[in-house]
Amino acid sequence: MDQLSSLDKLDKAILRRLQQNGRETYETIGEQVGLSASAVLRRVKRLEDTRVIDRYVALVRSEAVGMGLTAYLNVRLEKLTESHKRNPMDLFRASVQTWPEVVECSAMTGDMDYLLRIVVRDMAHYSRFIMDTLLKHPSVLDCKTSFVLDHVKATTAVPL
């Protein structure tokens, strides 16, 4: 049974409130969903224990901290290179974890293997990342970049 089917109406309401404001008090959430603060606390604890709630974070506006350029990179790996003890995908996945510019990395279907979302200060920073880091990686065969012109919608909330 999947996690969503085990969530009742109140769990979903609590999750919606927390996705809007992760610092909302249990008392306020309880007033909005019709539960006591202690009942909300018990439900949130269960949602954390079952990993429905993964973690709590502060969402920082990249522009506000000088990271004004966002790009999406489609990356294709060299799949036949077995010169290392680990395969190219494993090497790439490990390297991505160390690159602070990469804020999201997803394995993809289709012509390219990975889609990276990177956040950098400017075009010079982007160029250094591509030339000195990404394209020098032994597993990377090719990449194609699309730059973000405008953020039309950006949310971390999962539809419930």
Protein backbone atom coordinates (compact mmCIF):
# COMPACT_ATOMS: atom_id res chain seq x y z
CA MET A 1 0.00 0.00 0.00
CA ASP A 2 1.39 3.41 -0.91
CA GLN A 3 1.81 6.29 1.56
CA LEU A 4 -0.93 8.44 0.02
CA SER A 5 -3.63 5.83 0.52
CA SER A 6 -2.73 5.60 4.22
CA LEU A 7 -3.20 9.36 4.70
CA ASP A 8 -6.61 10.54 5.84
CA LYS A 9 -8.26 13.91 5.22
CA LEU A 10 -6.72 15.44 8.35
CA ASP A 11 -3.20 14.24 7.50
CA LYS A 12 -3.49 15.82 4.08
CA ALA A 13 -4.82 19.07 5.54
CA ILE A 14 -1.90 19.18 8.00
CA LEU A 15 0.58 18.51 5.19
CA ARG A 16 -0.93 21.27 3.05
CA ARG A 17 -0.54 23.75 5.94
CA LEU A 18 3.06 22.68 6.62
CA GLN A 19 3.94 22.96 2.92
CA GLN A 20 2.67 26.54 2.96
CA ASN A 21 4.46 27.43 6.19
CA GLY A 22 6.74 24.88 7.85
CA ARG A 23 7.01 27.11 10.94
CA GLU A 24 3.27 27.24 11.57
CA THR A 25 2.48 26.31 15.18
CA TYR A 26 0.60 23.13 15.93
CA GLU A 27 -1.98 25.25 17.70
CA THR A 28 -2.64 27.33 14.57
CA ILE A 29 -2.75 24.25 12.35
CA GLY A 30 -5.11 22.58 14.82
CA GLU A 31 -7.48 25.55 14.69
CA GLN A 32 -7.50 25.38 10.88
CA VAL A 33 -8.06 21.61 10.63
CA GLY A 34 -10.24 21.07 13.70
CA LEU A 35 -7.80 19.28 16.00
CA SER A 36 -6.03 20.05 19.26
CA ALA A 37 -2.38 21.04 19.14
CA SER A 38 -1.40 17.75 20.79
CA ALA A 39 -3.35 15.75 18.18
CA VAL A 40 -1.57 17.67 15.40
CA LEU A 41 1.78 16.99 17.09
CA ARG A 42 1.05 13.24 17.23
CA ARG A 43 0.07 13.19 13.55
CA VAL A 44 3.12 15.22 12.48
CA LYS A 45 5.39 12.92 14.48
CA ARG A 46 3.85 9.89 12.72
CA LEU A 47 4.28 11.59 9.32
CA GLU A 48 7.94 12.24 10.16
CA ASP A 49 8.52 8.70 11.44
CA THR A 50 7.03 7.17 8.27
CA ARG A 51 9.10 9.59 6.12
CA VAL A 52 6.06 11.21 4.54
CA ILE A 53 7.68 14.40 5.85
CA ASP A 54 11.28 14.17 4.69
CA ARG A 55 12.83 17.25 6.31
CA TYR A 56 12.35 20.93 7.15
CA VAL A 57 14.30 23.62 5.30
CA ALA A 58 14.45 27.35 4.70
CA LEU A 59 13.84 28.22 1.05
CA VAL A 60 16.34 30.90 0.04
CA ARG A 61 15.75 33.15 -2.98
CA SER A 62 18.86 32.62 -5.08
CA GLU A 63 18.81 36.19 -6.42
CA ALA A 64 18.82 37.56 -2.87
CA VAL A 65 22.16 35.87 -2.20
CA GLY A 66 23.83 36.84 -5.46
CA MET A 67 23.06 33.69 -7.44
CA GLY A 68 21.18 35.34 -10.30
CA LEU A 69 21.49 32.79 -13.11
CA THR A 70 19.61 29.50 -13.25
CA ALA A 71 20.14 26.96 -16.01
CA TYR A 72 18.98 23.47 -16.87
CA LEU A 73 21.62 21.16 -18.31
CA ASN A 74 20.88 17.96 -20.18
CA VAL A 75 23.89 15.70 -19.70
CA ARG A 76 24.81 12.59 -21.67
CA LEU A 77 27.37 10.18 -20.24
CA GLU A 78 29.93 7.97 -21.91
CA LYS A 79 28.53 4.56 -21.06
CA LEU A 80 31.32 2.39 -22.48
CA THR A 81 34.16 3.84 -20.41
CA GLU A 82 35.06 1.22 -17.84
CA SER A 83 38.57 2.47 -17.07
CA HIS A 84 37.64 3.01 -13.44
CA LYS A 85 36.57 0.51 -10.82
CA ARG A 86 33.15 2.17 -10.75
CA ASN A 87 30.94 2.59 -13.80
CA PRO A 88 30.50 6.06 -15.38
CA MET A 89 27.04 6.62 -13.92
CA ASP A 90 28.24 5.88 -10.40
CA LEU A 91 31.19 8.24 -10.86
CA PHE A 92 28.93 10.98 -12.17
CA ARG A 93 26.35 10.56 -9.40
CA ALA A 94 29.08 10.78 -6.76
CA SER A 95 30.60 13.88 -8.36
CA VAL A 96 27.26 15.69 -8.62
CA GLN A 97 26.93 15.44 -4.83
CA THR A 98 30.09 17.55 -4.46
CA TRP A 99 29.20 20.33 -6.93
CA PRO A 100 27.49 23.18 -5.04
CA GLU A 101 26.19 24.75 -8.27
CA VAL A 102 23.98 21.70 -8.86
CA VAL A 103 20.83 22.11 -6.79
CA GLU A 104 18.89 19.30 -8.46
CA CYS A 105 19.87 16.25 -10.50
CA SER A 106 17.46 13.75 -12.03
CA ALA A 107 18.11 10.63 -14.11
CA MET A 108 16.08 10.90 -17.30
CA THR A 109 14.69 8.82 -20.13
CA GLY A 110 15.39 9.77 -23.74
CA ASP A 111 18.55 10.97 -25.46
CA MET A 112 20.18 12.49 -22.40
CA ASP A 113 20.95 10.69 -19.13
CA TYR A 114 20.59 13.44 -16.52
CA LEU A 115 18.92 16.80 -16.09
CA LEU A 116 20.75 19.21 -13.79
CA ARG A 117 19.38 22.44 -12.41
CA ILE A 118 22.25 24.73 -11.57
CA VAL A 119 22.32 28.08 -9.82
CA VAL A 120 25.31 30.37 -10.39
CA ARG A 121 26.22 34.03 -9.90
CA ASP A 122 26.53 34.98 -13.57
CA MET A 123 27.61 33.82 -17.02
CA ALA A 124 31.29 33.79 -16.03
CA HIS A 125 30.49 31.47 -13.10
CA TYR A 126 28.41 29.28 -15.45
CA SER A 127 31.27 29.14 -17.95
CA ARG A 128 33.80 28.14 -15.27
CA PHE A 129 31.48 25.40 -14.01
CA ILE A 130 30.93 23.99 -17.51
CA MET A 131 34.53 24.23 -18.72
CA ASP A 132 36.42 23.42 -15.51
CA THR A 133 34.09 20.96 -13.84
CA LEU A 134 31.32 19.37 -15.89
CA LEU A 135 33.04 18.87 -19.25
CA LYS A 136 36.28 17.73 -17.58
CA HIS A 137 34.43 14.92 -15.80
CA PRO A 138 35.57 11.60 -17.35
CA SER A 139 32.01 10.28 -17.64
CA VAL A 140 30.49 13.30 -19.43
CA LEU A 141 30.16 12.97 -23.18
CA ASP A 142 27.94 15.97 -23.97
CA CYS A 143 25.70 18.59 -22.41
CA LYS A 144 23.09 21.04 -23.63
CA THR A 145 22.03 24.08 -21.65
CA SER A 146 18.82 26.08 -21.42
CA PHE A 147 18.82 29.29 -19.38
CA VAL A 148 15.89 30.39 -17.25
CA LEU A 149 14.51 33.73 -18.45
CA ASP A 150 11.68 34.03 -15.94
CA HIS A 151 10.31 31.91 -13.09
CA VAL A 152 6.63 31.53 -13.97
CA LYS A 153 5.87 29.07 -11.17
CA ALA A 154 8.13 27.63 -8.52
CA THR A 155 6.82 25.54 -5.66
CA THR A 156 8.09 22.79 -3.45
CA ALA A 157 4.55 21.76 -2.46
CA VAL A 158 3.36 18.31 -3.52
CA PRO A 159 -0.30 18.33 -4.64
CA LEU A 160 -2.45 16.48 -2.09
